[in-house]
Amino acid sequence: MTVALMLRHSLNQGEAAGRIEKAVEDVLNEGYRTTDIQAKGCRLIGCREMGRLVREKIDKGFKG
């Protein structure tokens, strides 16, 4: 999300920021959480796995 903020506010790249924000939202809506945002009923994963899932969502957006 920090990268999305940088893209949106420092680099005037709102579209790219939006893709990152949407990817993060999609992963969270699928029930994945890291320890710092763990919620009951959600699947606990590490930061590396969270990053991988977000990257896959972004990549899928470019292909689909």
PDB file of N, CA and C in Angstrom:
ATOM      1  N   MET A   1       0.817  -1.181   0.000  1.00  0.00           N
ATOM      2  CA  MET A   1       0.000   0.000   0.000  1.00  0.00           C
ATOM      3  C   MET A   1       0.873   1.261   0.000  1.00  0.00           C
ATOM      4  N   THR A   2       2.048   1.172   0.588  1.00  0.00           N
ATOM      5  CA  THR A   2       2.970   2.305   0.568  1.00  0.00           C
ATOM      6  C   THR A   2       3.388   2.626  -0.857  1.00  0.00           C
ATOM      7  N   VAL A   3       3.623   1.599  -1.638  1.00  0.00           N
ATOM      8  CA  VAL A   3       3.989   1.818  -3.041  1.00  0.00           C
ATOM      9  C   VAL A   3       2.827   2.470  -3.786  1.00  0.00           C
ATOM     10  N   ALA A   4       1.618   2.060  -3.494  1.00  0.00           N
ATOM     11  CA  ALA A   4       0.453   2.674  -4.128  1.00  0.00           C
ATOM     12  C   ALA A   4       0.374   4.166  -3.778  1.00  0.00           C
ATOM     13  N   LEU A   5       0.628   4.501  -2.525  1.00  0.00           N
ATOM     14  CA  LEU A   5       0.627   5.907  -2.122  1.00  0.00           C
ATOM     15  C   LEU A   5       1.700   6.696  -2.857  1.00  0.00           C
ATOM     16  N   MET A   6       2.889   6.119  -2.967  1.00  0.00           N
ATOM     17  CA  MET A   6       3.980   6.780  -3.677  1.00  0.00           C
ATOM     18  C   MET A   6       3.604   7.009  -5.140  1.00  0.00           C
ATOM     19  N   LEU A   7       3.055   5.977  -5.767  1.00  0.00           N
ATOM     20  CA  LEU A   7       2.662   6.109  -7.164  1.00  0.00           C
ATOM     21  C   LEU A   7       1.602   7.188  -7.347  1.00  0.00           C
ATOM     22  N   ARG A   8       0.626   7.195  -6.475  1.00  0.00           N
ATOM     23  CA  ARG A   8      -0.496   8.128  -6.607  1.00  0.00           C
ATOM     24  C   ARG A   8      -0.079   9.574  -6.300  1.00  0.00           C
ATOM     25  N   HIS A   9       0.641   9.772  -5.204  1.00  0.00           N
ATOM     26  CA  HIS A   9       0.866  11.132  -4.715  1.00  0.00           C
ATOM     27  C   HIS A   9       2.205  11.736  -5.115  1.00  0.00           C
ATOM     28  N   SER A  10       3.197  10.921  -5.380  1.00  0.00           N
ATOM     29  CA  SER A  10       4.514  11.468  -5.734  1.00  0.00           C
ATOM     30  C   SER A  10       4.812  11.359  -7.222  1.00  0.00           C
ATOM     31  N   LEU A  11       4.288  10.320  -7.861  1.00  0.00           N
ATOM     32  CA  LEU A  11       4.628  10.062  -9.258  1.00  0.00           C
ATOM     33  C   LEU A  11       3.456  10.259 -10.218  1.00  0.00           C
ATOM     34  N   ASN A  12       2.303  10.681  -9.674  1.00  0.00           N
ATOM     35  CA  ASN A  12       1.123  10.943 -10.501  1.00  0.00           C
ATOM     36  C   ASN A  12       0.745   9.736 -11.363  1.00  0.00           C
ATOM     37  N   GLN A  13       0.789   8.568 -10.751  1.00  0.00           N
ATOM     38  CA  GLN A  13       0.470   7.320 -11.449  1.00  0.00           C
ATOM     39  C   GLN A  13      -0.744   6.657 -10.784  1.00  0.00           C
ATOM     40  N   GLY A  14      -1.863   7.351 -10.848  1.00  0.00           N
ATOM     41  CA  GLY A  14      -3.074   6.876 -10.190  1.00  0.00           C
ATOM     42  C   GLY A  14      -3.564   5.527 -10.679  1.00  0.00           C
ATOM     43  N   GLU A  15      -3.434   5.272 -11.960  1.00  0.00           N
ATOM     44  CA  GLU A  15      -3.898   3.988 -12.511  1.00  0.00           C
ATOM     45  C   GLU A  15      -3.087   2.824 -11.939  1.00  0.00           C
ATOM     46  N   ALA A  16      -1.779   2.981 -11.888  1.00  0.00           N
ATOM     47  CA  ALA A  16      -0.920   1.932 -11.330  1.00  0.00           C
ATOM     48  C   ALA A  16      -1.225   1.740  -9.848  1.00  0.00           C
ATOM     49  N   ALA A  17      -1.418   2.841  -9.126  1.00  0.00           N
ATOM     50  CA  ALA A  17      -1.762   2.761  -7.708  1.00  0.00           C
ATOM     51  C   ALA A  17      -3.081   2.013  -7.526  1.00  0.00           C
ATOM     52  N   GLY A  18      -4.035   2.293  -8.369  1.00  0.00           N
ATOM     53  CA  GLY A  18      -5.329   1.627  -8.301  1.00  0.00           C
ATOM     54  C   GLY A  18      -5.232   0.124  -8.509  1.00  0.00           C
ATOM     55  N   ARG A  19      -4.341  -0.295  -9.406  1.00  0.00           N
ATOM     56  CA  ARG A  19      -4.160  -1.741  -9.633  1.00  0.00           C
ATOM     57  C   ARG A  19      -3.614  -2.416  -8.383  1.00  0.00           C
ATOM     58  N   ILE A  20      -2.672  -1.766  -7.718  1.00  0.00           N
ATOM     59  CA  ILE A  20      -2.121  -2.339  -6.491  1.00  0.00           C
ATOM     60  C   ILE A  20      -3.193  -2.382  -5.409  1.00  0.00           C
ATOM     61  N   GLU A  21      -3.912  -1.298  -5.224  1.00  0.00           N
ATOM     62  CA  GLU A  21      -4.957  -1.253  -4.204  1.00  0.00           C
ATOM     63  C   GLU A  21      -6.030  -2.309  -4.449  1.00  0.00           C
ATOM     64  N   LYS A  22      -6.412  -2.487  -5.694  1.00  0.00           N
ATOM     65  CA  LYS A  22      -7.427  -3.505  -6.040  1.00  0.00           C
ATOM     66  C   LYS A  22      -6.895  -4.895  -5.766  1.00  0.00           C
ATOM     67  N   ALA A  23      -5.640  -5.151  -6.093  1.00  0.00           N
ATOM     68  CA  ALA A  23      -5.044  -6.463  -5.853  1.00  0.00           C
ATOM     69  C   ALA A  23      -5.008  -6.769  -4.360  1.00  0.00           C
ATOM     70  N   VAL A  24      -4.613  -5.800  -3.548  1.00  0.00           N
ATOM     71  CA  VAL A  24      -4.583  -5.996  -2.098  1.00  0.00           C
ATOM     72  C   VAL A  24      -5.998  -6.254  -1.578  1.00  0.00           C
ATOM     73  N   GLU A  25      -6.946  -5.465  -2.032  1.00  0.00           N
ATOM     74  CA  GLU A  25      -8.332  -5.644  -1.613  1.00  0.00           C
ATOM     75  C   GLU A  25      -8.844  -7.040  -1.966  1.00  0.00           C
ATOM     76  N   ASP A  26      -8.545  -7.501  -3.170  1.00  0.00           N
ATOM     77  CA  ASP A  26      -8.983  -8.834  -3.597  1.00  0.00           C
ATOM     78  C   ASP A  26      -8.401  -9.921  -2.703  1.00  0.00           C
ATOM     79  N   VAL A  27      -7.110  -9.834  -2.402  1.00  0.00           N
ATOM     80  CA  VAL A  27      -6.460 -10.845  -1.559  1.00  0.00           C
ATOM     81  C   VAL A  27      -7.075 -10.824  -0.158  1.00  0.00           C
ATOM     82  N   LEU A  28      -7.279  -9.637   0.394  1.00  0.00           N
ATOM     83  CA  LEU A  28      -7.901  -9.548   1.718  1.00  0.00           C
ATOM     84  C   LEU A  28      -9.326 -10.091   1.700  1.00  0.00           C
ATOM     85  N   ASN A  29     -10.073  -9.808   0.637  1.00  0.00           N
ATOM     86  CA  ASN A  29     -11.442 -10.318   0.526  1.00  0.00           C
ATOM     87  C   ASN A  29     -11.488 -11.836   0.403  1.00  0.00           C
ATOM     88  N   GLU A  30     -10.394 -12.432  -0.049  1.00  0.00           N
ATOM     89  CA  GLU A  30     -10.307 -13.896  -0.117  1.00  0.00           C
ATOM     90  C   GLU A  30      -9.967 -14.499   1.242  1.00  0.00           C
ATOM     91  N   GLY A  31      -9.736 -13.656   2.242  1.00  0.00           N
ATOM     92  CA  GLY A  31      -9.546 -14.142   3.605  1.00  0.00           C
ATOM     93  C   GLY A  31      -8.109 -14.355   4.037  1.00  0.00           C
ATOM     94  N   TYR A  32      -7.154 -13.840   3.303  1.00  0.00           N
ATOM     95  CA  TYR A  32      -5.752 -13.977   3.684  1.00  0.00           C
ATOM     96  C   TYR A  32      -5.342 -12.811   4.572  1.00  0.00           C
ATOM     97  N   ARG A  33      -4.537 -13.107   5.608  1.00  0.00           N
ATOM     98  CA  ARG A  33      -4.047 -12.076   6.512  1.00  0.00           C
ATOM     99  C   ARG A  33      -2.628 -12.397   6.964  1.00  0.00           C
ATOM    100  N   THR A  34      -1.844 -11.334   7.161  1.00  0.00           N
ATOM    101  CA  THR A  34      -0.553 -11.475   7.823  1.00  0.00           C
ATOM    102  C   THR A  34      -0.781 -11.301   9.325  1.00  0.00           C
ATOM    103  N   THR A  35       0.219 -11.619  10.112  1.00  0.00           N
ATOM    104  CA  THR A  35       0.081 -11.587  11.567  1.00  0.00           C
ATOM    105  C   THR A  35      -0.409 -10.241  12.078  1.00  0.00           C
ATOM    106  N   ASP A  36       0.070  -9.152  11.505  1.00  0.00           N
ATOM    107  CA  ASP A  36      -0.277  -7.824  12.011  1.00  0.00           C
ATOM    108  C   ASP A  36      -1.734  -7.444  11.771  1.00  0.00           C
ATOM    109  N   ILE A  37      -2.414  -8.109  10.850  1.00  0.00           N
ATOM    110  CA  ILE A  37      -3.820  -7.794  10.580  1.00  0.00           C
ATOM    111  C   ILE A  37      -4.709  -9.042  10.673  1.00  0.00           C
ATOM    112  N   GLN A  38      -4.231 -10.059  11.383  1.00  0.00           N
ATOM    113  CA  GLN A  38      -4.966 -11.316  11.508  1.00  0.00           C
ATOM    114  C   GLN A  38      -6.365 -11.071  12.064  1.00  0.00           C
ATOM    115  N   ALA A  39      -7.327 -11.753  11.508  1.00  0.00           N
ATOM    116  CA  ALA A  39      -8.713 -11.676  11.961  1.00  0.00           C
ATOM    117  C   ALA A  39      -9.272 -13.089  12.072  1.00  0.00           C
ATOM    118  N   LYS A  40     -10.195 -13.263  12.977  1.00  0.00           N
ATOM    119  CA  LYS A  40     -10.812 -14.572  13.193  1.00  0.00           C
ATOM    120  C   LYS A  40     -11.424 -15.078  11.889  1.00  0.00           C
ATOM    121  N   GLY A  41     -11.148 -16.330  11.579  1.00  0.00           N
ATOM    122  CA  GLY A  41     -11.700 -16.954  10.389  1.00  0.00           C
ATOM    123  C   GLY A  41     -10.881 -16.732   9.133  1.00  0.00           C
ATOM    124  N   CYS A  42      -9.782 -15.994   9.241  1.00  0.00           N
ATOM    125  CA  CYS A  42      -8.944 -15.730   8.073  1.00  0.00           C
ATOM    126  C   CYS A  42      -7.713 -16.632   8.102  1.00  0.00           C
ATOM    127  N   ARG A  43      -7.152 -16.851   6.936  1.00  0.00           N
ATOM    128  CA  ARG A  43      -5.982 -17.713   6.806  1.00  0.00           C
ATOM    129  C   ARG A  43      -4.712 -16.902   7.046  1.00  0.00           C
ATOM    130  N   LEU A  44      -3.920 -17.305   8.029  1.00  0.00           N
ATOM    131  CA  LEU A  44      -2.685 -16.620   8.370  1.00  0.00           C
ATOM    132  C   LEU A  44      -1.574 -17.025   7.400  1.00  0.00           C
ATOM    133  N   ILE A  45      -0.951 -16.030   6.780  1.00  0.00           N
ATOM    134  CA  ILE A  45       0.167 -16.270   5.863  1.00  0.00           C
ATOM    135  C   ILE A  45       1.273 -15.275   6.181  1.00  0.00           C
ATOM    136  N   GLY A  46       2.465 -15.548   5.683  1.00  0.00           N
ATOM    137  CA  GLY A  46       3.591 -14.652   5.888  1.00  0.00           C
ATOM    138  C   GLY A  46       3.603 -13.520   4.874  1.00  0.00           C
ATOM    139  N   CYS A  47       4.480 -12.558   5.112  1.00  0.00           N
ATOM    140  CA  CYS A  47       4.574 -11.390   4.227  1.00  0.00           C
ATOM    141  C   CYS A  47       4.985 -11.786   2.812  1.00  0.00           C
ATOM    142  N   ARG A  48       5.881 -12.731   2.703  1.00  0.00           N
ATOM    143  CA  ARG A  48       6.332 -13.167   1.371  1.00  0.00           C
ATOM    144  C   ARG A  48       5.166 -13.749   0.576  1.00  0.00           C
ATOM    145  N   GLU A  49       4.363 -14.580   1.239  1.00  0.00           N
ATOM    146  CA  GLU A  49       3.204 -15.182   0.580  1.00  0.00           C
ATOM    147  C   GLU A  49       2.169 -14.112   0.221  1.00  0.00           C
ATOM    148  N   MET A  50       1.951 -13.151   1.103  1.00  0.00           N
ATOM    149  CA  MET A  50       1.017 -12.056   0.815  1.00  0.00           C
ATOM    150  C   MET A  50       1.485 -11.291  -0.414  1.00  0.00           C
ATOM    151  N   GLY A  51       2.769 -10.985  -0.464  1.00  0.00           N
ATOM    152  CA  GLY A  51       3.318 -10.286  -1.620  1.00  0.00           C
ATOM    153  C   GLY A  51       3.139 -11.068  -2.905  1.00  0.00           C
ATOM    154  N   ARG A  52       3.343 -12.383  -2.824  1.00  0.00           N
ATOM    155  CA  ARG A  52       3.176 -13.239  -3.996  1.00  0.00           C
ATOM    156  C   ARG A  52       1.725 -13.214  -4.486  1.00  0.00           C
ATOM    157  N   LEU A  53       0.785 -13.317  -3.551  1.00  0.00           N
ATOM    158  CA  LEU A  53      -0.626 -13.309  -3.927  1.00  0.00           C
ATOM    159  C   LEU A  53      -1.035 -11.972  -4.555  1.00  0.00           C
ATOM    160  N   VAL A  54      -0.560 -10.878  -3.983  1.00  0.00           N
ATOM    161  CA  VAL A  54      -0.866  -9.558  -4.536  1.00  0.00           C
ATOM    162  C   VAL A  54      -0.272  -9.431  -5.934  1.00  0.00           C
ATOM    163  N   ARG A  55       0.985  -9.862  -6.084  1.00  0.00           N
ATOM    164  CA  ARG A  55       1.641  -9.792  -7.401  1.00  0.00           C
ATOM    165  C   ARG A  55       0.857 -10.608  -8.430  1.00  0.00           C
ATOM    166  N   GLU A  56       0.387 -11.792  -8.051  1.00  0.00           N
ATOM    167  CA  GLU A  56      -0.401 -12.617  -8.984  1.00  0.00           C
ATOM    168  C   GLU A  56      -1.680 -11.893  -9.419  1.00  0.00           C
ATOM    169  N   LYS A  57      -2.328 -11.214  -8.483  1.00  0.00           N
ATOM    170  CA  LYS A  57      -3.543 -10.454  -8.837  1.00  0.00           C
ATOM    171  C   LYS A  57      -3.217  -9.332  -9.809  1.00  0.00           C
ATOM    172  N   ILE A  58      -2.102  -8.638  -9.575  1.00  0.00           N
ATOM    173  CA  ILE A  58      -1.708  -7.563 -10.481  1.00  0.00           C
ATOM    174  C   ILE A  58      -1.393  -8.134 -11.856  1.00  0.00           C
ATOM    175  N   ASP A  59      -0.623  -9.232 -11.897  1.00  0.00           N
ATOM    176  CA  ASP A  59      -0.283  -9.868 -13.176  1.00  0.00           C
ATOM    177  C   ASP A  59      -1.537 -10.326 -13.909  1.00  0.00           C
ATOM    178  N   LYS A  60      -2.485 -10.902 -13.173  1.00  0.00           N
ATOM    179  CA  LYS A  60      -3.719 -11.374 -13.793  1.00  0.00           C
ATOM    180  C   LYS A  60      -4.495 -10.205 -14.412  1.00  0.00           C
ATOM    181  N   GLY A  61      -4.452  -9.045 -13.776  1.00  0.00           N
ATOM    182  CA  GLY A  61      -5.124  -7.864 -14.295  1.00  0.00           C
ATOM    183  C   GLY A  61      -4.557  -7.412 -15.631  1.00  0.00           C
ATOM    184  N   PHE A  62      -3.259  -7.625 -15.824  1.00  0.00           N
ATOM    185  CA  PHE A  62      -2.636  -7.245 -17.091  1.00  0.00           C
ATOM    186  C   PHE A  62      -2.942  -8.255 -18.186  1.00  0.00           C
ATOM    187  N   LYS A  63      -3.146  -9.510 -17.813  1.00  0.00           N
ATOM    188  CA  LYS A  63      -3.401 -10.557 -18.793  1.00  0.00           C
ATOM    189  C   LYS A  63      -4.872 -10.691 -19.122  1.00  0.00           C
ATOM    190  N   GLY A  64      -5.727 -10.344 -18.185  1.00  0.00           N
ATOM    191  CA  GLY A  64      -7.151 -10.580 -18.379  1.00  0.00           C
ATOM    192  C   GLY A  64      -7.880  -9.333 -18.525  1.00  0.00           C
TER     193      GLY A  64
END
